[in-house]
Protein backbone atom coordinates (compact mmCIF):
# COMPACT_ATOMS: atom_id res chain seq x y z
CA MET A 1 122.77 16.03 -5.74
CA LYS A 2 120.28 14.49 -8.16
CA ILE A 3 116.71 15.61 -7.49
CA ALA A 4 113.47 14.51 -9.14
CA VAL A 5 110.54 16.92 -9.07
CA SER A 6 106.86 16.55 -9.93
CA SER A 7 106.69 17.95 -13.47
CA CYS A 8 103.79 20.26 -12.59
CA LEU A 9 105.98 22.02 -9.99
CA LEU A 10 108.45 22.90 -12.74
CA GLY A 11 105.72 24.48 -14.87
CA VAL A 12 104.84 21.53 -17.12
CA ASN A 13 101.12 21.59 -17.98
CA CYS A 14 100.41 18.00 -16.91
CA LYS A 15 97.85 18.43 -14.12
CA TYR A 16 94.47 16.77 -14.47
CA ASN A 17 92.97 20.16 -15.47
CA GLY A 18 95.68 20.87 -18.06
CA GLY A 19 97.49 23.39 -15.88
CA ASN A 20 100.56 23.27 -13.64
CA ASN A 21 101.63 24.07 -10.08
CA TYR A 22 104.78 26.03 -10.90
CA SER A 23 106.71 26.82 -7.72
CA GLU A 24 109.37 29.51 -7.61
CA LYS A 25 110.51 28.01 -4.28
CA VAL A 26 111.18 24.66 -5.98
CA ALA A 27 112.96 26.36 -8.89
CA GLU A 28 115.24 28.16 -6.42
CA PHE A 29 115.79 25.06 -4.26
CA VAL A 30 116.94 22.87 -7.16
CA LYS A 31 119.35 25.41 -8.69
CA GLY A 32 122.80 23.88 -9.05
CA HIS A 33 121.47 20.31 -8.85
CA GLU A 34 120.85 17.75 -11.55
CA VAL A 35 117.04 17.83 -11.93
CA TYR A 36 114.68 15.23 -13.39
CA GLU A 37 111.04 16.13 -13.96
CA ILE A 38 108.59 13.28 -13.46
CA CYS A 39 104.81 12.95 -13.83
CA PRO A 40 103.75 9.43 -12.90
CA GLU A 41 100.22 10.00 -14.22
CA VAL A 42 101.46 10.92 -17.69
CA LEU A 43 104.02 8.09 -17.58
CA GLY A 44 101.11 5.74 -16.83
CA GLY A 45 99.42 6.76 -20.06
CA LEU A 46 96.82 9.20 -18.76
CA PRO A 47 95.95 12.18 -20.98
CA THR A 48 96.18 15.87 -20.11
CA PRO A 49 93.68 17.17 -19.28
CA ARG A 50 91.89 14.27 -17.57
CA GLU A 51 89.22 13.77 -14.96
CA SER A 52 90.32 14.31 -11.38
CA SER A 53 91.04 11.17 -9.39
CA GLU A 54 91.18 10.24 -5.73
CA ILE A 55 92.06 7.09 -3.82
CA VAL A 56 88.79 5.37 -2.91
CA ASN A 57 89.12 2.28 -0.70
CA GLY A 58 92.70 1.80 -1.90
CA ILE A 59 91.84 2.13 -5.62
CA VAL A 60 92.53 5.26 -7.67
CA SER A 61 89.23 6.19 -9.32
CA HIS A 62 87.29 8.99 -10.97
CA LYS A 63 84.26 10.44 -9.21
CA ASP A 64 81.95 8.19 -11.29
CA GLY A 65 83.78 5.11 -9.98
CA THR A 66 85.82 4.40 -13.11
CA SER A 67 89.13 2.88 -11.99
CA VAL A 68 92.38 4.41 -13.23
CA ASP A 69 94.35 2.43 -10.66
CA ALA A 70 96.30 0.42 -13.26
CA GLU A 71 97.49 3.60 -14.99
CA PHE A 72 98.50 5.24 -11.70
CA ARG A 73 100.40 2.14 -10.55
CA ARG A 74 102.09 1.61 -13.94
CA GLY A 75 103.18 5.27 -13.95
CA ALA A 76 104.45 5.01 -10.38
CA GLU A 77 106.53 1.93 -11.28
CA LEU A 78 107.99 3.66 -14.36
CA ALA A 79 108.77 6.79 -12.33
CA LEU A 80 110.42 4.68 -9.61
CA LYS A 81 112.58 3.03 -12.29
CA ILE A 82 113.73 6.48 -13.48
CA VAL A 83 114.59 7.45 -9.91
CA LYS A 84 116.53 4.25 -9.24
CA ASP A 85 118.26 4.10 -12.64
CA ASN A 86 119.55 7.66 -12.23
CA GLY A 87 120.60 7.45 -8.59
CA ILE A 88 118.22 10.23 -7.58
CA GLU A 89 118.62 11.10 -3.89
CA LEU A 90 115.58 13.31 -3.26
CA VAL A 91 112.13 13.56 -4.84
CA ILE A 92 110.04 16.74 -4.37
CA LEU A 93 106.36 16.06 -4.88
CA GLN A 94 103.06 17.90 -5.23
CA SER A 95 100.84 17.96 -2.14
CA ARG A 96 97.52 16.10 -1.98
CA SER A 97 97.90 14.26 -5.29
CA PRO A 98 96.74 10.62 -5.55
CA SER A 99 100.16 9.98 -7.14
CA CYS A 100 102.45 12.34 -5.29
CA GLY A 101 100.81 13.31 -1.99
CA VAL A 102 103.43 12.95 0.74
CA ASN A 103 101.61 13.67 4.00
CA THR A 104 97.98 14.11 2.96
CA ILE A 105 95.66 13.03 0.15
CA TYR A 106 92.01 13.66 -0.61
CA ASP A 107 89.71 11.27 1.24
CA GLY A 108 88.01 9.74 -1.81
CA SER A 109 84.72 11.61 -1.38
CA PHE A 110 85.59 14.24 -4.03
CA THR A 111 84.57 16.97 -1.57
CA GLY A 112 88.03 18.48 -1.00
CA LYS A 113 88.47 16.83 2.41
CA LEU A 114 92.07 15.88 3.22
CA ILE A 115 93.21 12.92 5.27
CA PRO A 116 96.65 11.67 6.33
CA GLY A 117 98.04 9.43 3.62
CA GLN A 118 100.37 9.01 0.67
CA GLY A 119 99.87 8.87 -3.06
CA VAL A 120 100.69 5.75 -5.06
CA PHE A 121 104.11 7.01 -6.26
CA THR A 122 105.09 8.38 -2.85
CA ARG A 123 104.32 5.07 -1.20
CA LEU A 124 106.57 3.23 -3.69
CA LEU A 125 109.38 5.72 -3.03
CA THR A 126 109.15 5.37 0.75
CA GLU A 127 108.97 1.56 0.49
CA ASN A 128 112.24 1.79 -1.48
CA ASN A 129 113.89 4.09 1.09
CA ILE A 130 114.03 7.07 -1.26
CA LYS A 131 113.78 10.46 0.44
CA VAL A 132 110.63 12.39 -0.43
CA MET A 133 109.69 15.98 0.33
CA ASP A 134 106.32 17.66 0.00
CA VAL A 135 106.49 20.98 -1.84
CA SER A 136 104.77 22.61 1.15
CA GLU A 137 107.91 21.90 3.20
CA LEU A 138 109.72 24.50 1.07
CA LEU A 139 107.22 27.30 1.74
């Protein structure tokens, strides 16, 4: 099976704060599979580190209101192309992210409050009938 994984979950330092979300559970789960690491935010041209972003009224923005929506959407489209072009069957994503959140995302208030919702990349995947899994489902 071909599996794509959020780069940060594989230990790539691409998070907004310059770190990663390495997950031993993910590393174990993907053993024996063809694995593609994907970071839609980096693909969209955003630097690492970068300011944190949340979805505010449908637009991905920084706390000061600066929109980074175009970068997030461009990265999501490029990541979707990688998934489709390589026949990837499952995508494992990082929880809560404005790109990759599967079940919940931050509410846009930059206070740490979570709400039901999907990140920009996750929404594109589900609209294209590609199976997604939140990393928390492996815990």
